[in-house]
Amino acid sequence: MQQKKEIKYTPSAIDDMDEIFSYISHDNVAAGERLLENLDFQIEGLAEFPYIGTVLSEEKYTLVGRGFRFIVVPPYLIFYKIMDDSIIIHRILHGRRDFLRELFDDFQKEK
């Protein structure tokens, strides 16, 4: 059996979680908490099954960078990379946002 991978968050992903909670909890704190719990549950599942996410096409999205995967937790997309013994959560973005631009901007900042 494969060892569980450690989950790590980039500062951008932490900011995304804060923004999501702030936005949802403005109208309904309980709904914001439930959504964060669901996101956490799905992300923790990646520790055991890291390859479950869809690979972001390297041919179509070459500017974003190689190795990005994502899972959908409606209406959010969780973008991550598998790095050795870790899962790096890069961004958690609403599906209606221009998520490719956001990923590209983050990727450019890392260089």
Protein backbone atom coordinates (compact mmCIF):
# COMPACT_ATOMS: atom_id res chain seq x y z
CA MET A 1 0.00 0.00 0.00
CA GLN A 2 1.28 3.41 -0.95
CA GLN A 3 2.13 5.85 1.83
CA LYS A 4 -0.14 8.87 2.20
CA LYS A 5 1.28 12.08 0.84
CA GLU A 6 1.53 15.24 2.91
CA ILE A 7 -0.82 18.07 1.91
CA LYS A 8 0.77 21.51 1.63
CA TYR A 9 -0.83 24.81 0.63
CA THR A 10 0.68 27.74 -1.24
CA PRO A 11 -0.03 31.20 0.19
CA SER A 12 -2.39 31.77 -2.77
CA ALA A 13 -4.41 28.67 -1.88
CA ILE A 14 -4.70 29.81 1.73
CA ASP A 15 -5.87 33.22 0.52
CA ASP A 16 -8.41 31.47 -1.73
CA MET A 17 -9.84 29.53 1.24
CA ASP A 18 -10.07 32.73 3.29
CA GLU A 19 -11.79 34.54 0.42
CA ILE A 20 -14.26 31.68 -0.13
CA PHE A 21 -15.18 31.53 3.54
CA SER A 22 -15.48 35.29 3.82
CA TYR A 23 -17.75 35.52 0.78
CA ILE A 24 -20.06 32.64 1.75
CA SER A 25 -20.18 33.40 5.46
CA HIS A 26 -21.17 37.01 4.78
CA ASP A 27 -24.69 35.65 4.19
CA ASN A 28 -24.53 32.33 6.05
CA VAL A 29 -21.71 31.33 8.42
CA ALA A 30 -22.89 27.73 8.68
CA ALA A 31 -22.88 27.37 4.88
CA GLY A 32 -19.35 28.78 4.76
CA GLU A 33 -18.18 26.29 7.36
CA ARG A 34 -19.84 23.37 5.53
CA LEU A 35 -18.20 24.37 2.26
CA LEU A 36 -14.75 24.61 3.87
CA GLU A 37 -15.27 21.21 5.52
CA ASN A 38 -16.19 19.72 2.14
CA LEU A 39 -13.15 21.30 0.46
CA ASP A 40 -10.91 20.00 3.28
CA PHE A 41 -12.42 16.51 3.01
CA GLN A 42 -11.84 16.37 -0.75
CA ILE A 43 -8.30 17.73 -0.44
CA GLU A 44 -7.46 15.21 2.30
CA GLY A 45 -8.60 12.46 -0.08
CA LEU A 46 -5.75 13.48 -2.39
CA ALA A 47 -3.26 12.37 0.27
CA GLU A 48 -4.32 8.78 -0.32
CA PHE A 49 -5.35 9.02 -3.99
CA PRO A 50 -3.21 11.78 -5.53
CA TYR A 51 -3.74 10.70 -9.15
CA ILE A 52 -7.53 10.96 -9.00
CA GLY A 53 -7.48 14.51 -10.39
CA THR A 54 -7.62 15.35 -14.07
CA VAL A 55 -4.33 16.39 -15.66
CA LEU A 56 -4.37 19.90 -17.08
CA SER A 57 -3.42 19.39 -20.73
CA GLU A 58 0.24 20.24 -21.24
CA GLU A 59 -0.32 20.67 -24.97
CA LYS A 60 -3.24 23.05 -24.63
CA TYR A 61 -2.04 25.00 -21.57
CA THR A 62 1.75 25.13 -21.98
CA LEU A 63 2.00 28.59 -20.44
CA VAL A 64 0.58 27.39 -17.14
CA GLY A 65 3.31 24.85 -16.47
CA ARG A 66 3.64 21.11 -16.38
CA GLY A 67 2.18 18.73 -13.88
CA PHE A 68 -0.95 20.55 -12.77
CA ARG A 69 -3.95 18.41 -11.90
CA PHE A 70 -7.34 19.47 -10.64
CA ILE A 71 -10.39 18.11 -8.91
CA VAL A 72 -13.84 19.61 -8.96
CA VAL A 73 -15.70 20.38 -5.75
CA PRO A 74 -18.68 22.25 -7.21
CA PRO A 75 -18.50 25.09 -7.95
CA TYR A 76 -14.74 25.17 -7.19
CA LEU A 77 -11.69 23.78 -8.96
CA ILE A 78 -8.75 22.72 -6.80
CA PHE A 79 -5.44 22.89 -8.68
CA TYR A 80 -2.52 20.91 -7.34
CA LYS A 81 0.79 19.25 -8.19
CA ILE A 82 2.24 16.00 -6.95
CA MET A 83 5.79 16.61 -5.70
CA ASP A 84 7.66 13.59 -4.31
CA ASP A 85 5.92 12.80 -1.00
CA SER A 86 3.69 15.89 -1.05
CA ILE A 87 0.61 17.29 -2.69
CA ILE A 88 0.95 21.04 -3.24
CA ILE A 89 -2.41 22.82 -3.40
CA HIS A 90 -1.77 25.82 -5.64
CA ARG A 91 -5.17 27.42 -6.05
CA ILE A 92 -8.85 26.91 -5.21
CA LEU A 93 -10.85 28.88 -7.75
CA HIS A 94 -14.50 29.25 -8.64
CA GLY A 95 -15.28 27.51 -11.91
CA ARG A 96 -16.61 30.72 -13.44
CA ARG A 97 -13.40 32.64 -12.85
CA ASP A 98 -10.69 32.95 -15.47
CA PHE A 99 -8.74 30.22 -13.71
CA LEU A 100 -6.15 29.81 -16.46
CA ARG A 101 -5.15 33.45 -16.18
CA GLU A 102 -4.95 33.13 -12.41
CA LEU A 103 -2.77 30.01 -12.64
CA PHE A 104 -0.57 31.61 -15.29
CA ASP A 105 -0.08 34.72 -13.15
CA ASP A 106 0.90 32.58 -10.15
CA PHE A 107 3.22 30.45 -12.26
CA GLN A 108 4.97 33.53 -13.62
CA LYS A 109 5.45 34.89 -10.07
CA GLU A 110 7.13 31.64 -9.01
CA LYS A 111 9.83 31.97 -11.70
